[in-house]
């Protein structure tokens, strides 16, 4: 109500004796309340729908993540193992399913780092000379400067390490004295040289040009040489992560002529567990959707009853049992082939006898259908099929997106409708206030006239009596 309206109301009641302020407030409230309640009820329902759709979308993501995690874990596939860990040890790499096993590996040569050693000095604090040496690796050249502040064997080792050139230096002390030991990185490409720049004669005792110098080469840089299933391979490290998918291979010693078997141990999660866990997770999602879309009266129906987006999500999820998970001609292609079927309410059930029989008859075919080593259009597996369905459900042009946009637009519209109602009621209050103010003015005039007439009548009566 405006300040003018407030002034009018404060001046009311003088003529009529009616509590006009309370009357106006009651009239405005009576006009506003049913309309505001209707809008508020619509907002409550719309917000519930927005929340339910967001929850359904989030539950779908959770289901997909859980399934992907289950399939990609080593529980289902088993952990890689070696039958001779003194030569080779193996482990799984996170993020995928180890594959390519079993495999036969022979370690013909370990990767090695070039190693240089200097002649002995009396102590690690003995002076080494002054000037600059140039440390050259495959990555480039780095100056190593020795001056009065670091002119010791310890200082030279520290200067090499501080260069961060991929070569480490240390001082070893034994009965012969103190010596500088330099070591590069493993791999034949990681040799290095230490040549004189402005080094004086003393400092040149710590040089090596690749073939000779003041330091002696004790080990050449070398690649690891292995063969896997009779295919020879070379690597610059004794830790190999690319020979077999998602398998880390650690080479512990060379053993030419000795073949080590790499395999997988027994899975901790069986194929039976995988199917039942999948069905349980699916049913949790489906039951939540059933509740959200349940029909009935306004007090018992779900927030998404009749919603096209929710119906589309349920319809597409139901395709899991009718989508081929393996290529045509495979022993098992559909979940129904291994005992998974659909209940009347859309949840799934497992015929464990049929599932156990399929696993016993051809476990590799069941595994290939559920979780192929390489997913493809013809053989997507559970994770691939669910990803395709999820992508379709969450498409920007799909029914779910349309529902989300519809409810978002409705939220904005209802907010604007409520603001419009507030404006209308404010104007209505001002009109009522003005109307009753005019009435009060008229009543005041009527009362003044009444008083005048009463006075005249009294005078007339007085004259008559006299």
Foldseek 3Di string as FASTA:
>chain_A
DDPVLVVLLVPPCPQPVDNLVVVLVVVLCVVQVVVVVVLVVVLVLLVQLLVLLVVLLVLLVVLLVVLQCVQFDCLAVFWKAWPDVLFKGKGFAPDGYWDPPWKKKAWADAFFWKKKKAAADAEQFDFQFFDWKWKQWLVGIDIQGDDPVQRGNVSSQVSVVVRVPQKHWDWDQDPRHIMIMIIHATAQRTDMWIGGDPTDPRNQLPTDDPDDGNIDIPDHRHWTWMAMNNRIDTHRHQWDDPPTDRMIMHGNGHDPPDMMIMHGDDRNQYLLNSVVVSLVSLQVSLVSLCCQQADDDPVRGHSCPPQPLSVLLLVLSLCQQVAFQAAPPQPDTGPVQQAWDADPSGGIDGPVVSNVVVCVVPVVSSCQSARNSDADPRHNHNSRSSVVSSCQSPPCPDSSVVSSVVSVVVSVVSVVVVVVSVVVSVVSSSVSSVVSSVVSVVSVVVVVVVVVVVVVVVVVVVVVVD
